[in-house]
């Protein structure tokens, strides 16, 4: 879990429209970043789906 927290704390708030919509302290990640973090935390199966036109990501992970 320590590696996951270290990884999460290295991200920053994006510029522009998405950054204005975010709550202070909220972070945005790419599907690849989420998959990498979950695999590093011990999840064996990780699947992510990203909406092609919206900033929506669904991630399903199984330990």
PDB file of N, CA and C in Angstrom:
ATOM      1  N   UNK A   1       0.821  -1.201   0.000  1.00  0.00           N
ATOM      2  CA  UNK A   1       0.000   0.000   0.000  1.00  0.00           C
ATOM      3  C   UNK A   1       0.858   1.254   0.000  1.00  0.00           C
ATOM      4  N   UNK A   2       2.045   1.199   0.597  1.00  0.00           N
ATOM      5  CA  UNK A   2       2.919   2.368   0.649  1.00  0.00           C
ATOM      6  C   UNK A   2       3.328   2.851  -0.730  1.00  0.00           C
ATOM      7  N   UNK A   3       3.625   1.910  -1.633  1.00  0.00           N
ATOM      8  CA  UNK A   3       4.000   2.272  -2.998  1.00  0.00           C
ATOM      9  C   UNK A   3       2.843   2.967  -3.697  1.00  0.00           C
ATOM     10  N   UNK A   4       1.618   2.481  -3.478  1.00  0.00           N
ATOM     11  CA  UNK A   4       0.435   3.088  -4.091  1.00  0.00           C
ATOM     12  C   UNK A   4       0.262   4.521  -3.600  1.00  0.00           C
ATOM     13  N   UNK A   5       0.399   4.749  -2.285  1.00  0.00           N
ATOM     14  CA  UNK A   5       0.263   6.098  -1.740  1.00  0.00           C
ATOM     15  C   UNK A   5       1.338   7.029  -2.298  1.00  0.00           C
ATOM     16  N   UNK A   6       2.560   6.522  -2.427  1.00  0.00           N
ATOM     17  CA  UNK A   6       3.651   7.328  -2.974  1.00  0.00           C
ATOM     18  C   UNK A   6       3.326   7.727  -4.412  1.00  0.00           C
ATOM     19  N   UNK A   7       2.817   6.782  -5.201  1.00  0.00           N
ATOM     20  CA  UNK A   7       2.468   7.032  -6.591  1.00  0.00           C
ATOM     21  C   UNK A   7       1.334   8.052  -6.690  1.00  0.00           C
ATOM     22  N   UNK A   8       0.314   7.898  -5.862  1.00  0.00           N
ATOM     23  CA  UNK A   8      -0.845   8.790  -5.882  1.00  0.00           C
ATOM     24  C   UNK A   8      -0.440  10.212  -5.528  1.00  0.00           C
ATOM     25  N   UNK A   9       0.443  10.394  -4.583  1.00  0.00           N
ATOM     26  CA  UNK A   9       0.841  11.723  -4.138  1.00  0.00           C
ATOM     27  C   UNK A   9       1.702  12.477  -5.153  1.00  0.00           C
ATOM     28  N   UNK A  10       2.167  11.810  -6.208  1.00  0.00           N
ATOM     29  CA  UNK A  10       3.015  12.465  -7.201  1.00  0.00           C
ATOM     30  C   UNK A  10       2.225  13.119  -8.334  1.00  0.00           C
ATOM     31  N   UNK A  11       0.906  13.025  -8.313  1.00  0.00           N
ATOM     32  CA  UNK A  11       0.094  13.610  -9.375  1.00  0.00           C
ATOM     33  C   UNK A  11      -0.301  15.043  -9.020  1.00  0.00           C
ATOM     34  N   UNK A  12      -0.763  15.791 -10.033  1.00  0.00           N
ATOM     35  CA  UNK A  12      -1.151  17.174  -9.777  1.00  0.00           C
ATOM     36  C   UNK A  12      -2.443  17.509 -10.509  1.00  0.00           C
ATOM     37  N   UNK A  13      -3.055  18.624 -10.134  1.00  0.00           N
ATOM     38  CA  UNK A  13      -4.308  19.080 -10.731  1.00  0.00           C
ATOM     39  C   UNK A  13      -4.044  19.563 -12.163  1.00  0.00           C
ATOM     40  N   UNK A  14      -4.855  19.113 -13.140  1.00  0.00           N
ATOM     41  CA  UNK A  14      -4.638  19.525 -14.535  1.00  0.00           C
ATOM     42  C   UNK A  14      -5.038  20.978 -14.777  1.00  0.00           C
ATOM     43  N   UNK A  15      -4.559  21.512 -15.871  1.00  0.00           N
ATOM     44  CA  UNK A  15      -4.887  22.876 -16.284  1.00  0.00           C
ATOM     45  C   UNK A  15      -6.204  22.858 -17.061  1.00  0.00           C
ATOM     46  N   UNK A  16      -6.813  24.006 -17.244  1.00  0.00           N
ATOM     47  CA  UNK A  16      -7.978  24.157 -18.109  1.00  0.00           C
ATOM     48  C   UNK A  16      -9.285  23.739 -17.487  1.00  0.00           C
ATOM     49  N   UNK A  17     -10.216  23.356 -18.354  1.00  0.00           N
ATOM     50  CA  UNK A  17     -11.589  23.056 -17.967  1.00  0.00           C
ATOM     51  C   UNK A  17     -11.680  21.962 -16.904  1.00  0.00           C
ATOM     52  N   UNK A  18     -10.965  20.856 -17.110  1.00  0.00           N
ATOM     53  CA  UNK A  18     -11.026  19.743 -16.159  1.00  0.00           C
ATOM     54  C   UNK A  18     -10.509  20.162 -14.791  1.00  0.00           C
ATOM     55  N   UNK A  19      -9.480  20.981 -14.756  1.00  0.00           N
ATOM     56  CA  UNK A  19      -8.937  21.458 -13.491  1.00  0.00           C
ATOM     57  C   UNK A  19      -9.928  22.336 -12.742  1.00  0.00           C
ATOM     58  N   UNK A  20     -10.732  23.105 -13.465  1.00  0.00           N
ATOM     59  CA  UNK A  20     -11.741  23.969 -12.838  1.00  0.00           C
ATOM     60  C   UNK A  20     -12.885  23.158 -12.247  1.00  0.00           C
ATOM     61  N   UNK A  21     -13.168  22.001 -12.817  1.00  0.00           N
ATOM     62  CA  UNK A  21     -14.254  21.156 -12.332  1.00  0.00           C
ATOM     63  C   UNK A  21     -13.868  20.336 -11.106  1.00  0.00           C
ATOM     64  N   UNK A  22     -12.594  20.199 -10.854  1.00  0.00           N
ATOM     65  CA  UNK A  22     -12.129  19.328  -9.783  1.00  0.00           C
ATOM     66  C   UNK A  22     -12.250  19.965  -8.403  1.00  0.00           C
ATOM     67  N   UNK A  23     -12.512  19.151  -7.427  1.00  0.00           N
ATOM     68  CA  UNK A  23     -12.538  19.558  -6.025  1.00  0.00           C
ATOM     69  C   UNK A  23     -11.089  19.647  -5.559  1.00  0.00           C
ATOM     70  N   UNK A  24     -10.763  20.624  -4.699  1.00  0.00           N
ATOM     71  CA  UNK A  24      -9.401  20.727  -4.185  1.00  0.00           C
ATOM     72  C   UNK A  24      -8.981  19.408  -3.565  1.00  0.00           C
ATOM     73  N   UNK A  25      -7.794  18.963  -3.913  1.00  0.00           N
ATOM     74  CA  UNK A  25      -7.273  17.709  -3.396  1.00  0.00           C
ATOM     75  C   UNK A  25      -7.595  16.511  -4.278  1.00  0.00           C
ATOM     76  N   UNK A  26      -8.532  16.687  -5.226  1.00  0.00           N
ATOM     77  CA  UNK A  26      -8.891  15.608  -6.143  1.00  0.00           C
ATOM     78  C   UNK A  26      -7.798  15.465  -7.197  1.00  0.00           C
ATOM     79  N   UNK A  27      -7.547  14.244  -7.652  1.00  0.00           N
ATOM     80  CA  UNK A  27      -6.508  13.998  -8.647  1.00  0.00           C
ATOM     81  C   UNK A  27      -7.095  13.263  -9.847  1.00  0.00           C
ATOM     82  N   UNK A  28      -6.536  13.489 -11.027  1.00  0.00           N
ATOM     83  CA  UNK A  28      -6.957  12.797 -12.244  1.00  0.00           C
ATOM     84  C   UNK A  28      -5.852  11.845 -12.686  1.00  0.00           C
ATOM     85  N   UNK A  29      -6.259  10.688 -13.195  1.00  0.00           N
ATOM     86  CA  UNK A  29      -5.303   9.690 -13.651  1.00  0.00           C
ATOM     87  C   UNK A  29      -5.716   9.163 -15.014  1.00  0.00           C
ATOM     88  N   UNK A  30      -4.750   8.717 -15.789  1.00  0.00           N
ATOM     89  CA  UNK A  30      -5.038   8.049 -17.047  1.00  0.00           C
ATOM     90  C   UNK A  30      -5.371   6.589 -16.733  1.00  0.00           C
ATOM     91  N   UNK A  31      -6.038   5.894 -17.656  1.00  0.00           N
ATOM     92  CA  UNK A  31      -6.294   4.470 -17.418  1.00  0.00           C
ATOM     93  C   UNK A  31      -5.004   3.684 -17.184  1.00  0.00           C
ATOM     94  N   UNK A  32      -3.955   4.028 -17.902  1.00  0.00           N
ATOM     95  CA  UNK A  32      -2.677   3.339 -17.741  1.00  0.00           C
ATOM     96  C   UNK A  32      -2.094   3.557 -16.347  1.00  0.00           C
ATOM     97  N   UNK A  33      -2.190   4.777 -15.834  1.00  0.00           N
ATOM     98  CA  UNK A  33      -1.690   5.070 -14.488  1.00  0.00           C
ATOM     99  C   UNK A  33      -2.469   4.276 -13.440  1.00  0.00           C
ATOM    100  N   UNK A  34      -3.786   4.193 -13.603  1.00  0.00           N
ATOM    101  CA  UNK A  34      -4.602   3.431 -12.659  1.00  0.00           C
ATOM    102  C   UNK A  34      -4.256   1.946 -12.700  1.00  0.00           C
ATOM    103  N   UNK A  35      -4.106   1.399 -13.905  1.00  0.00           N
ATOM    104  CA  UNK A  35      -3.757  -0.014 -14.036  1.00  0.00           C
ATOM    105  C   UNK A  35      -2.395  -0.306 -13.407  1.00  0.00           C
ATOM    106  N   UNK A  36      -1.423   0.548 -13.653  1.00  0.00           N
ATOM    107  CA  UNK A  36      -0.087   0.362 -13.085  1.00  0.00           C
ATOM    108  C   UNK A  36      -0.123   0.415 -11.564  1.00  0.00           C
ATOM    109  N   UNK A  37      -0.834   1.374 -11.019  1.00  0.00           N
ATOM    110  CA  UNK A  37      -0.919   1.515  -9.563  1.00  0.00           C
ATOM    111  C   UNK A  37      -1.605   0.303  -8.933  1.00  0.00           C
ATOM    112  N   UNK A  38      -2.676  -0.185  -9.547  1.00  0.00           N
ATOM    113  CA  UNK A  38      -3.385  -1.332  -9.002  1.00  0.00           C
ATOM    114  C   UNK A  38      -2.547  -2.604  -9.092  1.00  0.00           C
ATOM    115  N   UNK A  39      -1.838  -2.780 -10.200  1.00  0.00           N
ATOM    116  CA  UNK A  39      -0.959  -3.954 -10.334  1.00  0.00           C
ATOM    117  C   UNK A  39       0.165  -3.889  -9.308  1.00  0.00           C
ATOM    118  N   UNK A  40       0.693  -2.697  -9.061  1.00  0.00           N
ATOM    119  CA  UNK A  40       1.742  -2.522  -8.046  1.00  0.00           C
ATOM    120  C   UNK A  40       1.212  -2.810  -6.638  1.00  0.00           C
ATOM    121  N   UNK A  41      -0.088  -2.591  -6.436  1.00  0.00           N
ATOM    122  CA  UNK A  41      -0.700  -2.840  -5.130  1.00  0.00           C
ATOM    123  C   UNK A  41      -1.098  -4.303  -4.955  1.00  0.00           C
ATOM    124  N   UNK A  42      -0.831  -5.158  -5.957  1.00  0.00           N
ATOM    125  CA  UNK A  42      -1.078  -6.584  -5.808  1.00  0.00           C
ATOM    126  C   UNK A  42      -2.286  -7.134  -6.536  1.00  0.00           C
ATOM    127  N   UNK A  43      -2.944  -6.333  -7.351  1.00  0.00           N
ATOM    128  CA  UNK A  43      -4.086  -6.831  -8.108  1.00  0.00           C
ATOM    129  C   UNK A  43      -3.582  -7.584  -9.335  1.00  0.00           C
ATOM    130  N   UNK A  44      -4.070  -8.819  -9.510  1.00  0.00           N
ATOM    131  CA  UNK A  44      -3.586  -9.663 -10.602  1.00  0.00           C
ATOM    132  C   UNK A  44      -4.282  -9.338 -11.926  1.00  0.00           C
ATOM    133  N   UNK A  45      -5.580  -9.124 -11.881  1.00  0.00           N
ATOM    134  CA  UNK A  45      -6.346  -8.824 -13.083  1.00  0.00           C
ATOM    135  C   UNK A  45      -6.868  -7.400 -13.003  1.00  0.00           C
ATOM    136  N   UNK A  46      -6.507  -6.586 -13.982  1.00  0.00           N
ATOM    137  CA  UNK A  46      -6.987  -5.201 -14.019  1.00  0.00           C
ATOM    138  C   UNK A  46      -7.479  -4.907 -15.428  1.00  0.00           C
ATOM    139  N   UNK A  47      -8.719  -4.438 -15.513  1.00  0.00           N
ATOM    140  CA  UNK A  47      -9.313  -4.058 -16.798  1.00  0.00           C
ATOM    141  C   UNK A  47      -9.834  -2.634 -16.676  1.00  0.00           C
ATOM    142  N   UNK A  48      -9.575  -1.809 -17.684  1.00  0.00           N
ATOM    143  CA  UNK A  48     -10.096  -0.443 -17.651  1.00  0.00           C
ATOM    144  C   UNK A  48     -10.776  -0.115 -18.979  1.00  0.00           C
ATOM    145  N   UNK A  49     -11.817   0.672 -18.885  1.00  0.00           N
ATOM    146  CA  UNK A  49     -12.544   1.150 -20.052  1.00  0.00           C
ATOM    147  C   UNK A  49     -12.601   2.665 -19.966  1.00  0.00           C
ATOM    148  N   UNK A  50     -12.270   3.337 -21.068  1.00  0.00           N
ATOM    149  CA  UNK A  50     -12.253   4.798 -21.102  1.00  0.00           C
ATOM    150  C   UNK A  50     -13.248   5.261 -22.152  1.00  0.00           C
ATOM    151  N   UNK A  51     -14.175   6.137 -21.751  1.00  0.00           N
ATOM    152  CA  UNK A  51     -15.156   6.682 -22.694  1.00  0.00           C
ATOM    153  C   UNK A  51     -14.416   7.485 -23.759  1.00  0.00           C
ATOM    154  N   UNK A  52     -14.720   7.271 -25.040  1.00  0.00           N
ATOM    155  CA  UNK A  52     -13.963   7.950 -26.106  1.00  0.00           C
ATOM    156  C   UNK A  52     -14.110   9.467 -26.157  1.00  0.00           C
ATOM    157  N   UNK A  53     -15.230  10.005 -25.656  1.00  0.00           N
ATOM    158  CA  UNK A  53     -15.437  11.458 -25.759  1.00  0.00           C
ATOM    159  C   UNK A  53     -15.559  12.158 -24.409  1.00  0.00           C
ATOM    160  N   UNK A  54     -15.624  11.413 -23.337  1.00  0.00           N
ATOM    161  CA  UNK A  54     -15.783  11.992 -21.998  1.00  0.00           C
ATOM    162  C   UNK A  54     -14.620  11.541 -21.108  1.00  0.00           C
ATOM    163  N   UNK A  55     -14.376  12.262 -20.030  1.00  0.00           N
ATOM    164  CA  UNK A  55     -13.282  11.862 -19.138  1.00  0.00           C
ATOM    165  C   UNK A  55     -13.728  10.805 -18.123  1.00  0.00           C
ATOM    166  N   UNK A  56     -14.437   9.785 -18.587  1.00  0.00           N
ATOM    167  CA  UNK A  56     -14.956   8.747 -17.702  1.00  0.00           C
ATOM    168  C   UNK A  56     -14.115   7.496 -17.850  1.00  0.00           C
ATOM    169  N   UNK A  57     -13.707   6.936 -16.719  1.00  0.00           N
ATOM    170  CA  UNK A  57     -12.927   5.708 -16.710  1.00  0.00           C
ATOM    171  C   UNK A  57     -13.593   4.732 -15.739  1.00  0.00           C
ATOM    172  N   UNK A  58     -13.758   3.493 -16.192  1.00  0.00           N
ATOM    173  CA  UNK A  58     -14.230   2.422 -15.328  1.00  0.00           C
ATOM    174  C   UNK A  58     -13.081   1.443 -15.165  1.00  0.00           C
ATOM    175  N   UNK A  59     -12.785   1.079 -13.930  1.00  0.00           N
ATOM    176  CA  UNK A  59     -11.705   0.133 -13.664  1.00  0.00           C
ATOM    177  C   UNK A  59     -12.252  -1.016 -12.827  1.00  0.00           C
ATOM    178  N   UNK A  60     -11.965  -2.235 -13.278  1.00  0.00           N
ATOM    179  CA  UNK A  60     -12.348  -3.435 -12.540  1.00  0.00           C
ATOM    180  C   UNK A  60     -11.055  -4.181 -12.235  1.00  0.00           C
ATOM    181  N   UNK A  61     -10.845  -4.470 -10.936  1.00  0.00           N
ATOM    182  CA  UNK A  61      -9.613  -5.148 -10.532  1.00  0.00           C
ATOM    183  C   UNK A  61      -9.937  -6.308  -9.601  1.00  0.00           C
ATOM    184  N   UNK A  62      -9.180  -7.395  -9.775  1.00  0.00           N
ATOM    185  CA  UNK A  62      -9.377  -8.585  -8.953  1.00  0.00           C
ATOM    186  C   UNK A  62      -8.039  -8.996  -8.364  1.00  0.00           C
ATOM    187  N   UNK A  63      -8.019  -9.211  -7.043  1.00  0.00           N
ATOM    188  CA  UNK A  63      -6.781  -9.601  -6.370  1.00  0.00           C
ATOM    189  C   UNK A  63      -6.490 -11.047  -6.545  1.00  0.00           C
TER     190      UNK A  63
END
